[in-house]
């Protein structure tokens, strides 16, 4: 790991108490949606993001959701916790995504689209795996926040931006500049925060799922396909979709099912 990146990760503050309390509720056998909503309501940023997400056309809700309790009921406990985590992480980290030529809001939208695609796709592929993949897809680009900050501290920000803007292989550009990729950094962040090994591994191996342990290989493969379809520099562009569908087909997925879900998201943009 790049020593400077590693130091940045080691210096990250702990996750906020609200998020830890939400995790406790999710892990408690008798924890309820009402309990989770009460805790979420204590954090205005989490509230705002839950309501924004619940009313996003990505999830196809017909009527406006105006309360946290209804948003939590819609998403369920696991997805609610995932959305709260993404909110807290972006709040904890100093988000300046200029090296990737996107605003913080555009970056958040990319992550939301990746999560929505994997959620809608895996509802039909394997619903039992959907919630694990939703969290991983929503958070897998987190490392870019740290990488962007590292690039901004150097003298190569404009060169990095130029190369990222014109590539279909973001990981190679990241590695050539700082010797790590987003997947490496994100995995290290979640390991630092004590997340379970399965989540860390599925993100860590999403760049090269052929090397993944068998237990997480499918997860890593699916994450790779989704970030190929919705990369930060060419989200749902024709070339990105074509590359993602080829990967899905080569990996043995029903690529037509994936294509249907991509088309559905395109129709809602």
C-alpha atoms as a PDB file:
ATOM      1  CA  UNK A   1       0.000   0.000   0.000  1.00  0.00           C
ATOM      2  CA  UNK A   2       1.204   3.509  -0.839  1.00  0.00           C
ATOM      3  CA  UNK A   3       2.629   4.814   2.499  1.00  0.00           C
ATOM      4  CA  UNK A   4       0.929   8.216   2.210  1.00  0.00           C
ATOM      5  CA  UNK A   5      -2.450   6.632   1.450  1.00  0.00           C
ATOM      6  CA  UNK A   6      -1.961   4.217   4.350  1.00  0.00           C
ATOM      7  CA  UNK A   7      -1.270   7.081   6.744  1.00  0.00           C
ATOM      8  CA  UNK A   8      -4.410   8.862   5.568  1.00  0.00           C
ATOM      9  CA  UNK A   9      -6.470   5.748   6.263  1.00  0.00           C
ATOM     10  CA  UNK A  10      -4.930   5.224   9.703  1.00  0.00           C
ATOM     11  CA  UNK A  11      -5.798   8.812  10.637  1.00  0.00           C
ATOM     12  CA  UNK A  12      -9.475   8.536   9.688  1.00  0.00           C
ATOM     13  CA  UNK A  13     -11.854   9.287  12.568  1.00  0.00           C
ATOM     14  CA  UNK A  14     -14.144   6.545  13.884  1.00  0.00           C
ATOM     15  CA  UNK A  15     -17.627   6.149  12.493  1.00  0.00           C
ATOM     16  CA  UNK A  16     -20.248   8.323  14.216  1.00  0.00           C
ATOM     17  CA  UNK A  17     -22.320   7.001  17.117  1.00  0.00           C
ATOM     18  CA  UNK A  18     -25.562   7.224  15.126  1.00  0.00           C
ATOM     19  CA  UNK A  19     -24.226   4.748  12.603  1.00  0.00           C
ATOM     20  CA  UNK A  20     -22.920   2.402  15.291  1.00  0.00           C
ATOM     21  CA  UNK A  21     -26.326   2.509  17.038  1.00  0.00           C
ATOM     22  CA  UNK A  22     -28.026   1.695  13.727  1.00  0.00           C
ATOM     23  CA  UNK A  23     -25.729  -1.291  13.282  1.00  0.00           C
ATOM     24  CA  UNK A  24     -26.620  -2.537  16.774  1.00  0.00           C
ATOM     25  CA  UNK A  25     -30.326  -2.402  15.905  1.00  0.00           C
ATOM     26  CA  UNK A  26     -29.717  -4.273  12.645  1.00  0.00           C
ATOM     27  CA  UNK A  27     -27.767  -6.967  14.513  1.00  0.00           C
ATOM     28  CA  UNK A  28     -30.332  -7.323  17.322  1.00  0.00           C
ATOM     29  CA  UNK A  29     -32.840 -10.150  16.691  1.00  0.00           C
ATOM     30  CA  UNK A  30     -35.757  -8.096  18.036  1.00  0.00           C
ATOM     31  CA  UNK A  31     -34.637  -4.806  16.459  1.00  0.00           C
ATOM     32  CA  UNK A  32     -37.413  -3.177  14.446  1.00  0.00           C
ATOM     33  CA  UNK A  33     -37.812  -0.755  11.574  1.00  0.00           C
ATOM     34  CA  UNK A  34     -39.355   1.710  14.039  1.00  0.00           C
ATOM     35  CA  UNK A  35     -36.251   1.488  16.268  1.00  0.00           C
ATOM     36  CA  UNK A  36     -33.986   2.092  13.280  1.00  0.00           C
ATOM     37  CA  UNK A  37     -36.034   5.072  12.097  1.00  0.00           C
ATOM     38  CA  UNK A  38     -35.820   6.698  15.546  1.00  0.00           C
ATOM     39  CA  UNK A  39     -32.023   6.493  15.478  1.00  0.00           C
ATOM     40  CA  UNK A  40     -31.749   7.676  11.858  1.00  0.00           C
ATOM     41  CA  UNK A  41     -33.870  10.729  12.689  1.00  0.00           C
ATOM     42  CA  UNK A  42     -31.117  11.981  15.007  1.00  0.00           C
ATOM     43  CA  UNK A  43     -28.843  12.766  12.046  1.00  0.00           C
ATOM     44  CA  UNK A  44     -30.135  15.435   9.622  1.00  0.00           C
ATOM     45  CA  UNK A  45     -27.732  14.376   6.859  1.00  0.00           C
ATOM     46  CA  UNK A  46     -28.886  10.765   7.065  1.00  0.00           C
ATOM     47  CA  UNK A  47     -32.505  11.902   7.039  1.00  0.00           C
ATOM     48  CA  UNK A  48     -31.936  14.040   3.944  1.00  0.00           C
ATOM     49  CA  UNK A  49     -30.186  11.250   2.066  1.00  0.00           C
ATOM     50  CA  UNK A  50     -32.758   8.618   3.017  1.00  0.00           C
ATOM     51  CA  UNK A  51     -35.598  10.808   1.745  1.00  0.00           C
ATOM     52  CA  UNK A  52     -33.684  11.726  -1.402  1.00  0.00           C
ATOM     53  CA  UNK A  53     -32.914   8.072  -2.109  1.00  0.00           C
ATOM     54  CA  UNK A  54     -36.431   6.853  -1.349  1.00  0.00           C
ATOM     55  CA  UNK A  55     -37.859   9.333  -3.853  1.00  0.00           C
ATOM     56  CA  UNK A  56     -35.283   8.602  -6.540  1.00  0.00           C
ATOM     57  CA  UNK A  57     -36.724   7.233  -9.801  1.00  0.00           C
ATOM     58  CA  UNK A  58     -33.981   4.599  -9.621  1.00  0.00           C
ATOM     59  CA  UNK A  59     -36.156   2.662  -7.169  1.00  0.00           C
ATOM     60  CA  UNK A  60     -39.432   3.166  -8.994  1.00  0.00           C
ATOM     61  CA  UNK A  61     -41.581   4.421  -6.099  1.00  0.00           C
ATOM     62  CA  UNK A  62     -44.914   5.746  -7.340  1.00  0.00           C
ATOM     63  CA  UNK A  63     -45.717   8.276  -4.614  1.00  0.00           C
ATOM     64  CA  UNK A  64     -43.630  10.739  -2.647  1.00  0.00           C
ATOM     65  CA  UNK A  65     -42.144   9.509   0.625  1.00  0.00           C
ATOM     66  CA  UNK A  66     -41.971  12.285   3.205  1.00  0.00           C
ATOM     67  CA  UNK A  67     -41.046  10.586   6.495  1.00  0.00           C
ATOM     68  CA  UNK A  68     -38.040   8.635   7.675  1.00  0.00           C
ATOM     69  CA  UNK A  69     -40.214   5.787   8.960  1.00  0.00           C
ATOM     70  CA  UNK A  70     -41.723   5.281   5.499  1.00  0.00           C
ATOM     71  CA  UNK A  71     -38.298   5.446   3.865  1.00  0.00           C
ATOM     72  CA  UNK A  72     -36.921   2.847   6.281  1.00  0.00           C
ATOM     73  CA  UNK A  73     -39.958   0.629   5.708  1.00  0.00           C
ATOM     74  CA  UNK A  74     -39.428   0.889   1.961  1.00  0.00           C
ATOM     75  CA  UNK A  75     -35.726   0.060   2.012  1.00  0.00           C
ATOM     76  CA  UNK A  76     -35.669  -2.391   4.911  1.00  0.00           C
ATOM     77  CA  UNK A  77     -33.103  -2.414   7.690  1.00  0.00           C
ATOM     78  CA  UNK A  78     -30.025  -3.544   5.772  1.00  0.00           C
ATOM     79  CA  UNK A  79     -30.412  -1.111   2.866  1.00  0.00           C
ATOM     80  CA  UNK A  80     -31.230   1.733   5.262  1.00  0.00           C
ATOM     81  CA  UNK A  81     -28.030   1.081   7.161  1.00  0.00           C
ATOM     82  CA  UNK A  82     -26.101   1.031   3.876  1.00  0.00           C
ATOM     83  CA  UNK A  83     -27.493   4.404   2.802  1.00  0.00           C
ATOM     84  CA  UNK A  84     -26.745   5.860   6.241  1.00  0.00           C
ATOM     85  CA  UNK A  85     -23.194   4.531   6.037  1.00  0.00           C
ATOM     86  CA  UNK A  86     -22.599   6.137   2.658  1.00  0.00           C
ATOM     87  CA  UNK A  87     -23.879   9.449   4.038  1.00  0.00           C
ATOM     88  CA  UNK A  88     -21.656   9.267   7.114  1.00  0.00           C
ATOM     89  CA  UNK A  89     -18.556   8.316   5.139  1.00  0.00           C
ATOM     90  CA  UNK A  90     -18.908  11.244   2.738  1.00  0.00           C
ATOM     91  CA  UNK A  91     -19.405  13.526   5.743  1.00  0.00           C
ATOM     92  CA  UNK A  92     -16.296  12.184   7.506  1.00  0.00           C
ATOM     93  CA  UNK A  93     -14.052  12.432   4.460  1.00  0.00           C
ATOM     94  CA  UNK A  94     -13.121  15.706   2.810  1.00  0.00           C
ATOM     95  CA  UNK A  95     -14.838  15.274  -0.556  1.00  0.00           C
ATOM     96  CA  UNK A  96     -13.161  17.119  -3.426  1.00  0.00           C
ATOM     97  CA  UNK A  97     -13.498  15.006  -6.555  1.00  0.00           C
ATOM     98  CA  UNK A  98     -11.944  17.470  -9.011  1.00  0.00           C
ATOM     99  CA  UNK A  99      -9.195  15.036 -10.152  1.00  0.00           C
ATOM    100  CA  UNK A 100     -11.988  12.786 -11.437  1.00  0.00           C
ATOM    101  CA  UNK A 101     -13.777  15.769 -13.060  1.00  0.00           C
ATOM    102  CA  UNK A 102     -16.979  15.321 -11.042  1.00  0.00           C
ATOM    103  CA  UNK A 103     -18.662  17.266  -8.261  1.00  0.00           C
ATOM    104  CA  UNK A 104     -19.389  15.647  -4.878  1.00  0.00           C
ATOM    105  CA  UNK A 105     -23.069  15.378  -5.857  1.00  0.00           C
ATOM    106  CA  UNK A 106     -22.202  13.723  -9.177  1.00  0.00           C
ATOM    107  CA  UNK A 107     -19.924  11.310  -7.325  1.00  0.00           C
ATOM    108  CA  UNK A 108     -22.765  10.430  -4.939  1.00  0.00           C
ATOM    109  CA  UNK A 109     -25.088   9.903  -7.897  1.00  0.00           C
ATOM    110  CA  UNK A 110     -22.620   7.483  -9.517  1.00  0.00           C
ATOM    111  CA  UNK A 111     -22.487   5.419  -6.326  1.00  0.00           C
ATOM    112  CA  UNK A 112     -26.285   5.472  -6.057  1.00  0.00           C
ATOM    113  CA  UNK A 113     -26.678   4.299  -9.649  1.00  0.00           C
ATOM    114  CA  UNK A 114     -24.226   1.441  -9.119  1.00  0.00           C
ATOM    115  CA  UNK A 115     -26.130   0.384  -6.001  1.00  0.00           C
ATOM    116  CA  UNK A 116     -29.526   0.672  -7.706  1.00  0.00           C
ATOM    117  CA  UNK A 117     -28.350  -1.358 -10.703  1.00  0.00           C
ATOM    118  CA  UNK A 118     -26.993  -4.182  -8.576  1.00  0.00           C
ATOM    119  CA  UNK A 119     -30.093  -4.096  -6.364  1.00  0.00           C
ATOM    120  CA  UNK A 120     -32.525  -4.322  -9.277  1.00  0.00           C
ATOM    121  CA  UNK A 121     -30.384  -6.859 -11.155  1.00  0.00           C
ATOM    122  CA  UNK A 122     -29.818  -9.191  -8.188  1.00  0.00           C
ATOM    123  CA  UNK A 123     -33.467  -9.126  -7.205  1.00  0.00           C
ATOM    124  CA  UNK A 124     -33.812 -11.423 -10.206  1.00  0.00           C
ATOM    125  CA  UNK A 125     -30.441 -13.185 -10.081  1.00  0.00           C
ATOM    126  CA  UNK A 126     -30.266 -14.148  -6.382  1.00  0.00           C
ATOM    127  CA  UNK A 127     -32.303 -12.081  -3.874  1.00  0.00           C
ATOM    128  CA  UNK A 128     -30.428 -13.570  -0.905  1.00  0.00           C
ATOM    129  CA  UNK A 129     -27.192 -11.978  -2.123  1.00  0.00           C
ATOM    130  CA  UNK A 130     -28.768  -8.645  -3.024  1.00  0.00           C
ATOM    131  CA  UNK A 131     -28.371  -6.822   0.280  1.00  0.00           C
ATOM    132  CA  UNK A 132     -24.681  -7.672   0.676  1.00  0.00           C
ATOM    133  CA  UNK A 133     -24.046  -6.484  -2.852  1.00  0.00           C
ATOM    134  CA  UNK A 134     -26.082  -3.314  -2.365  1.00  0.00           C
ATOM    135  CA  UNK A 135     -23.807  -2.177   0.482  1.00  0.00           C
ATOM    136  CA  UNK A 136     -20.646  -3.088  -1.442  1.00  0.00           C
ATOM    137  CA  UNK A 137     -21.797  -1.380  -4.648  1.00  0.00           C
ATOM    138  CA  UNK A 138     -22.902   1.752  -2.804  1.00  0.00           C
ATOM    139  CA  UNK A 139     -19.538   2.025  -1.052  1.00  0.00           C
ATOM    140  CA  UNK A 140     -17.029   0.553  -3.519  1.00  0.00           C
ATOM    141  CA  UNK A 141     -15.973   3.937  -4.953  1.00  0.00           C
ATOM    142  CA  UNK A 142     -15.222   5.412  -1.496  1.00  0.00           C
ATOM    143  CA  UNK A 143     -11.480   5.042  -2.025  1.00  0.00           C
ATOM    144  CA  UNK A 144     -11.645   7.633  -4.797  1.00  0.00           C
ATOM    145  CA  UNK A 145     -12.208  10.321  -2.156  1.00  0.00           C
ATOM    146  CA  UNK A 146      -8.850   9.514  -0.550  1.00  0.00           C
ATOM    147  CA  UNK A 147      -7.118   9.078  -3.915  1.00  0.00           C
ATOM    148  CA  UNK A 148      -8.448  12.432  -5.160  1.00  0.00           C
ATOM    149  CA  UNK A 149      -7.077  14.145  -2.060  1.00  0.00           C
ATOM    150  CA  UNK A 150      -3.704  12.458  -2.528  1.00  0.00           C
ATOM    151  CA  UNK A 151      -3.539  13.581  -6.159  1.00  0.00           C
ATOM    152  CA  UNK A 152      -4.483  17.143  -5.216  1.00  0.00           C
ATOM    153  CA  UNK A 153      -1.538  17.279  -2.784  1.00  0.00           C
ATOM    154  CA  UNK A 154       0.897  16.513  -5.622  1.00  0.00           C
ATOM    155  CA  UNK A 155       1.863  18.317  -8.783  1.00  0.00           C
ATOM    156  CA  UNK A 156       0.127  15.952 -11.195  1.00  0.00           C
ATOM    157  CA  UNK A 157      -3.547  16.759 -10.654  1.00  0.00           C
ATOM    158  CA  UNK A 158      -4.138  18.130 -14.149  1.00  0.00           C
ATOM    159  CA  UNK A 159      -2.327  15.241 -15.806  1.00  0.00           C
ATOM    160  CA  UNK A 160      -4.294  12.733 -13.715  1.00  0.00           C
ATOM    161  CA  UNK A 161      -7.562  14.460 -14.618  1.00  0.00           C
ATOM    162  CA  UNK A 162      -6.686  14.391 -18.300  1.00  0.00           C
ATOM    163  CA  UNK A 163      -5.796  10.701 -18.297  1.00  0.00           C
ATOM    164  CA  UNK A 164      -8.863   9.704 -16.271  1.00  0.00           C
ATOM    165  CA  UNK A 165     -11.128  11.635 -18.639  1.00  0.00           C
ATOM    166  CA  UNK A 166      -9.905   9.689 -21.658  1.00  0.00           C
ATOM    167  CA  UNK A 167      -9.576   6.141 -20.330  1.00  0.00           C
ATOM    168  CA  UNK A 168     -11.735   3.039 -20.122  1.00  0.00           C
ATOM    169  CA  UNK A 169      -9.356   1.573 -17.527  1.00  0.00           C
ATOM    170  CA  UNK A 170      -9.473   3.863 -14.506  1.00  0.00           C
ATOM    171  CA  UNK A 171      -7.746   1.294 -12.296  1.00  0.00           C
ATOM    172  CA  UNK A 172      -4.601   1.314 -14.461  1.00  0.00           C
ATOM    173  CA  UNK A 173      -4.359   5.106 -14.323  1.00  0.00           C
ATOM    174  CA  UNK A 174      -4.760   5.120 -10.553  1.00  0.00           C
ATOM    175  CA  UNK A 175      -2.114   2.438 -10.193  1.00  0.00           C
ATOM    176  CA  UNK A 176       0.328   4.268 -12.474  1.00  0.00           C
ATOM    177  CA  UNK A 177       0.064   7.430 -10.353  1.00  0.00           C
ATOM    178  CA  UNK A 178      -0.121   6.120  -6.786  1.00  0.00           C
ATOM    179  CA  UNK A 179       0.451   2.339  -7.041  1.00  0.00           C
ATOM    180  CA  UNK A 180      -3.022   1.451  -5.699  1.00  0.00           C
ATOM    181  CA  UNK A 181      -6.566   1.366  -7.057  1.00  0.00           C
ATOM    182  CA  UNK A 182      -9.879   2.498  -5.640  1.00  0.00           C
ATOM    183  CA  UNK A 183     -10.718  -1.091  -4.724  1.00  0.00           C
ATOM    184  CA  UNK A 184      -7.485  -1.415  -2.698  1.00  0.00           C
ATOM    185  CA  UNK A 185      -8.102   1.839  -0.841  1.00  0.00           C
ATOM    186  CA  UNK A 186     -11.797   1.195  -0.164  1.00  0.00           C
ATOM    187  CA  UNK A 187     -11.021  -2.268   1.198  1.00  0.00           C
ATOM    188  CA  UNK A 188      -8.326  -0.821   3.448  1.00  0.00           C
ATOM    189  CA  UNK A 189     -10.719   1.855   4.753  1.00  0.00           C
ATOM    190  CA  UNK A 190     -13.358  -0.701   5.693  1.00  0.00           C
ATOM    191  CA  UNK A 191     -10.772  -2.987   7.244  1.00  0.00           C
ATOM    192  CA  UNK A 192      -9.601  -0.013   9.337  1.00  0.00           C
ATOM    193  CA  UNK A 193     -13.190   0.544  10.485  1.00  0.00           C
ATOM    194  CA  UNK A 194     -13.619  -3.116  11.420  1.00  0.00           C
ATOM    195  CA  UNK A 195     -16.072  -4.265   8.763  1.00  0.00           C
ATOM    196  CA  UNK A 196     -16.405  -7.977   8.161  1.00  0.00           C
ATOM    197  CA  UNK A 197     -13.846  -9.759   6.017  1.00  0.00           C
ATOM    198  CA  UNK A 198     -16.414 -10.785   3.405  1.00  0.00           C
ATOM    199  CA  UNK A 199     -17.259  -7.169   2.521  1.00  0.00           C
ATOM    200  CA  UNK A 200     -13.573  -6.196   2.510  1.00  0.00           C
ATOM    201  CA  UNK A 201     -12.659  -9.114   0.237  1.00  0.00           C
ATOM    202  CA  UNK A 202     -15.478  -8.673  -2.276  1.00  0.00           C
ATOM    203  CA  UNK A 203     -14.393  -5.050  -2.787  1.00  0.00           C
ATOM    204  CA  UNK A 204     -10.666  -5.792  -2.687  1.00  0.00           C
ATOM    205  CA  UNK A 205     -10.942  -8.404  -5.449  1.00  0.00           C
ATOM    206  CA  UNK A 206     -13.428  -6.515  -7.618  1.00  0.00           C
ATOM    207  CA  UNK A 207     -10.601  -5.371  -9.915  1.00  0.00           C
ATOM    208  CA  UNK A 208      -9.432  -8.943 -10.509  1.00  0.00           C
ATOM    209  CA  UNK A 209     -12.175 -11.358  -9.505  1.00  0.00           C
ATOM    210  CA  UNK A 210     -10.321 -14.308 -11.035  1.00  0.00           C
ATOM    211  CA  UNK A 211      -8.011 -14.153  -8.004  1.00  0.00           C
ATOM    212  CA  UNK A 212     -10.827 -13.836  -5.448  1.00  0.00           C
ATOM    213  CA  UNK A 213     -11.448 -16.523  -2.813  1.00  0.00           C
ATOM    214  CA  UNK A 214     -14.256 -18.772  -4.005  1.00  0.00           C
ATOM    215  CA  UNK A 215     -16.608 -17.529  -1.275  1.00  0.00           C
ATOM    216  CA  UNK A 216     -16.607 -13.975  -2.674  1.00  0.00           C
ATOM    217  CA  UNK A 217     -15.809 -14.542  -6.345  1.00  0.00           C
ATOM    218  CA  UNK A 218     -19.358 -14.010  -7.608  1.00  0.00           C
ATOM    219  CA  UNK A 219     -19.747 -10.874  -5.488  1.00  0.00           C
ATOM    220  CA  UNK A 220     -16.462  -9.427  -6.782  1.00  0.00           C
ATOM    221  CA  UNK A 221     -17.465 -10.294 -10.343  1.00  0.00           C
ATOM    222  CA  UNK A 222     -20.839  -8.558 -10.018  1.00  0.00           C
ATOM    223  CA  UNK A 223     -19.235  -5.443  -8.505  1.00  0.00           C
ATOM    224  CA  UNK A 224     -16.758  -5.290 -11.376  1.00  0.00           C
ATOM    225  CA  UNK A 225     -19.540  -5.551 -13.948  1.00  0.00           C
ATOM    226  CA  UNK A 226     -21.555  -2.771 -12.322  1.00  0.00           C
ATOM    227  CA  UNK A 227     -18.642  -0.350 -12.068  1.00  0.00           C
ATOM    228  CA  UNK A 228     -17.765  -1.151 -15.670  1.00  0.00           C
ATOM    229  CA  UNK A 229     -21.275  -0.138 -16.740  1.00  0.00           C
ATOM    230  CA  UNK A 230     -21.284   2.979 -14.525  1.00  0.00           C
ATOM    231  CA  UNK A 231     -17.720   4.299 -14.281  1.00  0.00           C
ATOM    232  CA  UNK A 232     -17.165   7.741 -12.855  1.00  0.00           C
ATOM    233  CA  UNK A 233     -16.006   9.140 -16.199  1.00  0.00           C
ATOM    234  CA  UNK A 234     -18.507   7.487 -18.578  1.00  0.00           C
ATOM    235  CA  UNK A 235     -21.573   6.388 -16.628  1.00  0.00           C
ATOM    236  CA  UNK A 236     -23.952   4.313 -18.754  1.00  0.00           C
ATOM    237  CA  UNK A 237     -22.356   5.441 -21.990  1.00  0.00           C
ATOM    238  CA  UNK A 238     -22.583   3.032 -24.910  1.00  0.00           C
ATOM    239  CA  UNK A 239     -19.000   1.797 -24.661  1.00  0.00           C
ATOM    240  CA  UNK A 240     -19.326   1.260 -20.888  1.00  0.00           C
ATOM    241  CA  UNK A 241     -22.543  -0.729 -21.294  1.00  0.00           C
ATOM    242  CA  UNK A 242     -21.060  -2.834 -24.092  1.00  0.00           C
ATOM    243  CA  UNK A 243     -18.009  -3.683 -21.994  1.00  0.00           C
ATOM    244  CA  UNK A 244     -20.156  -4.553 -18.961  1.00  0.00           C
ATOM    245  CA  UNK A 245     -22.485  -6.813 -20.940  1.00  0.00           C
ATOM    246  CA  UNK A 246     -19.507  -8.646 -22.467  1.00  0.00           C
ATOM    247  CA  UNK A 247     -18.049  -9.212 -19.005  1.00  0.00           C
ATOM    248  CA  UNK A 248     -21.425 -10.490 -17.770  1.00  0.00           C
ATOM    249  CA  UNK A 249     -21.759 -12.847 -20.711  1.00  0.00           C
ATOM    250  CA  UNK A 250     -18.169 -14.128 -20.351  1.00  0.00           C
ATOM    251  CA  UNK A 251     -18.734 -14.688 -16.614  1.00  0.00           C
ATOM    252  CA  UNK A 252     -21.820 -16.804 -17.242  1.00  0.00           C
ATOM    253  CA  UNK A 253     -24.475 -14.314 -16.168  1.00  0.00           C
ATOM    254  CA  UNK A 254     -27.727 -13.808 -18.038  1.00  0.00           C
ATOM    255  CA  UNK A 255     -26.478 -10.682 -19.800  1.00  0.00           C
ATOM    256  CA  UNK A 256     -29.913  -9.949 -21.265  1.00  0.00           C
ATOM    257  CA  UNK A 257     -31.314  -9.640 -17.743  1.00  0.00           C
ATOM    258  CA  UNK A 258     -28.568  -7.155 -16.893  1.00  0.00           C
ATOM    259  CA  UNK A 259     -29.253  -5.251 -20.107  1.00  0.00           C
ATOM    260  CA  UNK A 260     -32.944  -4.959 -19.195  1.00  0.00           C
ATOM    261  CA  UNK A 261     -32.055  -3.377 -15.840  1.00  0.00           C
ATOM    262  CA  UNK A 262     -29.574  -0.992 -17.461  1.00  0.00           C
ATOM    263  CA  UNK A 263     -32.263   0.058 -19.943  1.00  0.00           C
ATOM    264  CA  UNK A 264     -34.666   0.641 -17.055  1.00  0.00           C
ATOM    265  CA  UNK A 265     -32.206   2.974 -15.338  1.00  0.00           C
ATOM    266  CA  UNK A 266     -31.502   4.794 -18.600  1.00  0.00           C
ATOM    267  CA  UNK A 267     -35.220   5.367 -19.052  1.00  0.00           C
ATOM    268  CA  UNK A 268     -35.418   7.045 -15.623  1.00  0.00           C
ATOM    269  CA  UNK A 269     -32.452   9.416 -16.034  1.00  0.00           C
END
